[in-house]
N, C-alpha and C. Protein backbone atom coordinates (compact mmCIF):
# COMPACT_ATOMS: atom_id res chain seq x y z
N UNK A 1 -65.28 -61.24 86.05
CA UNK A 1 -64.94 -61.08 84.66
C UNK A 1 -63.50 -61.51 84.44
N UNK A 2 -63.23 -61.96 83.24
CA UNK A 2 -61.88 -62.40 82.94
C UNK A 2 -61.05 -61.25 82.36
N UNK A 3 -59.74 -61.39 82.44
CA UNK A 3 -58.84 -60.40 81.86
C UNK A 3 -59.11 -60.24 80.36
N UNK A 4 -59.27 -61.33 79.58
CA UNK A 4 -59.57 -61.14 78.16
C UNK A 4 -60.85 -60.34 77.90
N UNK A 5 -61.88 -60.55 78.71
CA UNK A 5 -63.12 -59.78 78.55
C UNK A 5 -62.87 -58.29 78.82
N UNK A 6 -62.11 -58.00 79.86
CA UNK A 6 -61.80 -56.60 80.19
C UNK A 6 -60.92 -55.97 79.12
N UNK A 7 -59.97 -56.72 78.59
CA UNK A 7 -59.13 -56.19 77.51
C UNK A 7 -59.96 -55.90 76.27
N UNK A 8 -60.93 -56.77 75.97
CA UNK A 8 -61.81 -56.51 74.82
C UNK A 8 -62.57 -55.20 75.00
N UNK A 9 -63.07 -54.95 76.20
CA UNK A 9 -63.77 -53.69 76.46
C UNK A 9 -62.84 -52.50 76.30
N UNK A 10 -61.63 -52.63 76.82
CA UNK A 10 -60.67 -51.53 76.76
C UNK A 10 -60.22 -51.25 75.32
N UNK A 11 -60.11 -52.29 74.51
CA UNK A 11 -59.55 -52.13 73.17
C UNK A 11 -60.58 -51.99 72.06
N UNK A 12 -61.86 -51.99 72.40
CA UNK A 12 -62.87 -51.88 71.34
C UNK A 12 -62.78 -50.53 70.65
N UNK A 13 -63.11 -50.54 69.36
CA UNK A 13 -63.06 -49.32 68.56
C UNK A 13 -64.43 -49.09 67.96
N UNK A 14 -65.03 -47.93 68.18
CA UNK A 14 -64.56 -46.88 69.06
C UNK A 14 -64.77 -47.27 70.52
N UNK A 15 -63.91 -46.73 71.37
CA UNK A 15 -64.01 -47.02 72.80
C UNK A 15 -65.30 -46.43 73.34
N UNK A 16 -65.96 -47.19 74.22
CA UNK A 16 -67.12 -46.68 74.96
C UNK A 16 -66.82 -46.75 76.44
N UNK A 17 -66.97 -45.63 77.15
CA UNK A 17 -66.75 -45.66 78.60
C UNK A 17 -67.63 -46.71 79.26
N UNK A 18 -67.13 -47.27 80.34
CA UNK A 18 -67.89 -48.29 81.08
C UNK A 18 -67.59 -48.19 82.56
N UNK A 19 -68.37 -48.91 83.33
CA UNK A 19 -68.21 -48.95 84.78
C UNK A 19 -68.00 -50.38 85.20
N UNK A 20 -66.97 -50.58 86.02
CA UNK A 20 -66.74 -51.89 86.60
C UNK A 20 -67.54 -51.98 87.89
N UNK A 21 -68.31 -53.02 88.04
CA UNK A 21 -69.04 -53.28 89.28
C UNK A 21 -68.27 -54.36 90.03
N UNK A 22 -67.85 -54.03 91.23
CA UNK A 22 -67.03 -54.94 92.01
C UNK A 22 -67.88 -55.78 92.96
N UNK A 23 -67.33 -56.89 93.39
CA UNK A 23 -68.05 -57.77 94.31
C UNK A 23 -68.34 -57.08 95.64
N UNK A 24 -67.59 -56.02 95.97
CA UNK A 24 -67.81 -55.28 97.22
C UNK A 24 -69.01 -54.35 97.12
N UNK A 25 -69.53 -54.16 95.89
CA UNK A 25 -70.62 -53.22 95.68
C UNK A 25 -70.16 -51.89 95.13
N UNK A 26 -68.85 -51.67 95.11
CA UNK A 26 -68.31 -50.41 94.57
C UNK A 26 -68.41 -50.40 93.05
N UNK A 27 -68.45 -49.20 92.50
CA UNK A 27 -68.47 -49.01 91.06
C UNK A 27 -67.28 -48.15 90.67
N UNK A 28 -66.55 -48.60 89.65
CA UNK A 28 -65.34 -47.91 89.21
C UNK A 28 -65.53 -47.47 87.76
N UNK A 29 -65.56 -46.15 87.49
CA UNK A 29 -65.70 -45.70 86.10
C UNK A 29 -64.39 -45.85 85.33
N UNK A 30 -64.51 -46.22 84.06
CA UNK A 30 -63.35 -46.27 83.15
C UNK A 30 -63.70 -45.34 81.99
N UNK A 31 -63.11 -44.15 82.00
CA UNK A 31 -63.48 -43.08 81.07
C UNK A 31 -62.86 -43.22 79.68
N UNK A 32 -61.70 -43.86 79.59
CA UNK A 32 -61.04 -44.05 78.29
C UNK A 32 -60.14 -45.27 78.38
N UNK A 33 -59.64 -45.70 77.23
CA UNK A 33 -58.77 -46.88 77.23
C UNK A 33 -57.48 -46.61 78.01
N UNK A 34 -57.09 -45.35 78.12
CA UNK A 34 -55.89 -44.99 78.89
C UNK A 34 -56.12 -45.07 80.40
N UNK A 35 -57.36 -45.21 80.82
CA UNK A 35 -57.69 -45.21 82.24
C UNK A 35 -57.71 -46.61 82.86
N UNK A 36 -57.30 -47.63 82.12
CA UNK A 36 -57.30 -48.99 82.67
C UNK A 36 -56.03 -49.71 82.25
N UNK A 37 -55.24 -50.13 83.23
CA UNK A 37 -54.01 -50.87 82.98
C UNK A 37 -54.11 -52.25 83.62
N UNK A 38 -53.31 -53.16 83.12
CA UNK A 38 -53.21 -54.50 83.68
C UNK A 38 -51.76 -54.71 84.09
N UNK A 39 -51.54 -55.34 85.23
CA UNK A 39 -50.17 -55.63 85.63
C UNK A 39 -49.59 -56.67 84.68
N UNK A 40 -48.26 -56.71 84.52
CA UNK A 40 -47.66 -57.67 83.59
C UNK A 40 -48.03 -59.12 83.88
N UNK A 41 -48.20 -59.46 85.15
CA UNK A 41 -48.56 -60.84 85.49
C UNK A 41 -50.07 -61.07 85.48
N UNK A 42 -50.84 -60.03 85.12
CA UNK A 42 -52.30 -60.08 85.01
C UNK A 42 -53.00 -60.40 86.34
N UNK A 43 -52.35 -60.09 87.42
CA UNK A 43 -52.95 -60.35 88.74
C UNK A 43 -53.57 -59.10 89.34
N UNK A 44 -53.41 -57.96 88.67
CA UNK A 44 -53.97 -56.70 89.18
C UNK A 44 -54.54 -55.87 88.04
N UNK A 45 -55.64 -55.20 88.33
CA UNK A 45 -56.21 -54.17 87.45
C UNK A 45 -55.87 -52.83 88.10
N UNK A 46 -55.54 -51.86 87.27
CA UNK A 46 -55.24 -50.53 87.80
C UNK A 46 -56.06 -49.50 87.01
N UNK A 47 -57.30 -49.24 87.45
CA UNK A 47 -58.08 -48.16 86.83
C UNK A 47 -57.73 -46.82 87.48
N UNK A 48 -57.59 -45.80 86.64
CA UNK A 48 -57.30 -44.46 87.14
C UNK A 48 -58.59 -43.75 87.48
N UNK A 49 -58.58 -43.06 88.62
CA UNK A 49 -59.74 -42.27 89.04
C UNK A 49 -59.89 -41.05 88.13
N UNK A 50 -61.11 -40.55 87.94
CA UNK A 50 -61.31 -39.37 87.10
C UNK A 50 -60.56 -38.13 87.61
N UNK A 51 -60.37 -38.03 88.93
CA UNK A 51 -59.71 -36.86 89.50
C UNK A 51 -58.37 -37.23 90.13
N UNK A 52 -57.54 -37.92 89.37
CA UNK A 52 -56.23 -38.38 89.83
C UNK A 52 -56.36 -39.54 90.82
N UNK A 53 -55.28 -40.23 91.01
CA UNK A 53 -55.26 -41.39 91.88
C UNK A 53 -55.64 -42.65 91.12
N UNK A 54 -55.47 -43.77 91.77
CA UNK A 54 -55.76 -45.06 91.14
C UNK A 54 -56.42 -46.00 92.14
N UNK A 55 -57.10 -46.98 91.61
CA UNK A 55 -57.54 -48.13 92.38
C UNK A 55 -56.58 -49.26 92.02
N UNK A 56 -56.35 -50.18 92.91
CA UNK A 56 -55.62 -51.40 92.60
C UNK A 56 -56.57 -52.53 92.96
N UNK A 57 -56.94 -53.31 91.96
CA UNK A 57 -58.02 -54.27 92.12
C UNK A 57 -57.57 -55.66 91.69
N UNK A 58 -57.91 -56.65 92.47
CA UNK A 58 -57.74 -58.04 92.05
C UNK A 58 -58.81 -58.31 90.98
N UNK A 59 -58.44 -58.84 89.82
CA UNK A 59 -59.44 -59.05 88.75
C UNK A 59 -60.62 -59.92 89.17
N UNK A 60 -60.44 -60.78 90.16
CA UNK A 60 -61.56 -61.62 90.60
C UNK A 60 -62.63 -60.79 91.29
N UNK A 61 -62.31 -59.55 91.66
CA UNK A 61 -63.30 -58.66 92.29
C UNK A 61 -64.20 -57.97 91.28
N UNK A 62 -63.85 -58.03 90.00
CA UNK A 62 -64.66 -57.40 88.95
C UNK A 62 -65.80 -58.35 88.59
N UNK A 63 -66.99 -58.02 89.09
CA UNK A 63 -68.15 -58.89 88.88
C UNK A 63 -68.80 -58.66 87.52
N UNK A 64 -68.80 -57.40 87.05
CA UNK A 64 -69.46 -57.07 85.79
C UNK A 64 -68.94 -55.74 85.28
N UNK A 65 -69.14 -55.53 83.99
CA UNK A 65 -68.84 -54.23 83.38
C UNK A 65 -70.08 -53.81 82.61
N UNK A 66 -70.46 -52.55 82.81
CA UNK A 66 -71.65 -52.02 82.15
C UNK A 66 -71.23 -50.82 81.32
N UNK A 67 -71.55 -50.86 80.02
CA UNK A 67 -71.23 -49.74 79.14
C UNK A 67 -72.08 -48.53 79.51
N UNK A 68 -71.44 -47.36 79.52
CA UNK A 68 -72.19 -46.13 79.77
C UNK A 68 -73.10 -45.85 78.58
N UNK A 69 -74.21 -45.22 78.84
CA UNK A 69 -75.15 -44.86 77.79
C UNK A 69 -74.53 -43.74 76.96
N UNK A 70 -74.49 -43.92 75.63
CA UNK A 70 -73.91 -42.85 74.80
C UNK A 70 -74.74 -41.57 74.90
N UNK A 71 -74.06 -40.46 74.91
CA UNK A 71 -74.75 -39.17 74.95
C UNK A 71 -75.06 -38.76 73.53
N UNK A 72 -76.25 -38.21 73.36
CA UNK A 72 -76.64 -37.71 72.05
C UNK A 72 -75.99 -36.37 71.81
N UNK A 73 -75.64 -36.12 70.56
CA UNK A 73 -75.04 -34.85 70.19
C UNK A 73 -76.05 -33.72 70.41
N UNK A 74 -75.56 -32.58 70.84
CA UNK A 74 -76.43 -31.43 71.05
C UNK A 74 -76.99 -30.95 69.72
N UNK A 75 -78.25 -30.61 69.72
CA UNK A 75 -78.90 -30.11 68.51
C UNK A 75 -78.59 -28.64 68.34
N UNK A 76 -78.41 -28.26 67.11
CA UNK A 76 -78.13 -26.84 66.83
C UNK A 76 -79.33 -26.17 66.26
């Protein structure tokens, strides 16, 4: 995936959580727009883990992004 494609996902309104699928087979969740940063030179992606910590990823390793299925509101 390209940096512009990833930025579009991060900046869409309203934001929808998504998962990055890497060429290694790993899956990286992106829970909010605040959970994904790009290095100034655009050579690194920095997604934050849900329980603290970060991944540092070469953007060429991002093979696909899949939007999470929206949850339905609880019925009252």
